[in-house]
Amino acid sequence: MTALPRISGLAVTDADRALSQAEVLALLGLQGDPFAEGVFGRAAVTTRNLGLSPATLASTLQGRTATTEDQLFEYAVSAVERLDVDPAEIGTVVLSSLYSLGGPTLAHRLIEHFRMDPSTDKYHIVGVGCASAVPLVRLVTQSLELHPGRKALIIAAESMSGLLMRAASDDQRAKTVGSAIFGDGCAAALVEKGTTGPAVAASKVHQIEGTLDVVRMELSDADSYLHLERDLPEVAAAGLPALVDDFLESVALTRHDVHHWIIHPGGRRILECVRSALELSHAQLQISYDVLSGRGNVGTPSIFYVLHDTIKRRNPRHGERGLMVTVGPGVTVGLMLLVF
């Protein structure tokens, strides 16, 4: 029997500075704005780790690229160091972020920093965002066949500070909504065969037709923000029950066979719509709510934060199953069945 790939190591790291919603409002010039204060107050976010400063906000998107790249590199190095892995054991490095920062990529920089084998495969994937985890694990699983006995390293890194901009009088309300939930952070995951850690038993990605504009980056010379359509939570949840049931049925399971629900903390309404669609209790999504409250939506690495805290806090028993559900640009839903 072929050994299943396993997530044998998982580490997360945050920006050094945790900001309250009131502090972010003030930095962005939104303090005293009734609409903004209402959105920020209802976001279910208490604090977010952000490398945001007045100097950053005084610069354009292009002008802060070097700072953003340095932040991402710092987060990635910290996360990899927490894995306590021998760099010589790594055959593939895949780094994913919303950002394309030119070349050499962050993956190249990490290979040199950790003095990995010069023949290590390296990839930098951009734009997948909150839906990244499932396709990333699927991708590196294929790479294990090319490097028998070696490990694959996934790094999901995000500096939303590189995107946030101060308020302007002609801002669309969608800019304010996006500014209310996003944070900085990084997750690093090791994937290999025949060892400890949750096994990846099955996975699937599903792109919802006609939703390309629902989640998008709005970029111009003077402004940038992540645009989220108001109906994103309903769009993502509408076909979710059938999608999940069909996925589980393909491996002879039902929702009742899932012990741990690992749901993307994309925002309060996303969690509420997913919870309602799948008929789950608040307690079953408690870790996702806690990640959202303490860190916000960290984009690309968010679901790895939930998995990390699920393992740490729930201590899943041998043989228990977890279902990872991600929602990201596209709109794309990712499903991954894990066996602990």
Foldseek 3Di string as FASTA:
>chain_A
DFFFKFFPFKFKDAAPDKDALQRLCVLQVNPPPVLLVVLLVQFLAGIAGAPADNVLQVDWLVRCLVVFQVVQLVQQVVQVVVRVDQLQQEQEEEEEEQDDSDPPDSQVVVCVVNVYDPNRHYYYYHRFWQQAPQVVLVVVVVVCVVPPRGKYKYKYWYRCSSAQHHDDPPDDVQQSNQSSFEHGMMMMTIMDGDDDHWGFPDKDKDFDPPCQPQWDWDDDRHHIGIGHDPCQLVSVLVCVQVVQQVRQVVVPHGPVQADAEQEQLQTDSNVVSNCVSNVHDCVSCVLSSVCRHHHGRHIRCRSSSSVVVCCVPVVDDQQHKYWYWTAGRSRMIMITIIGD
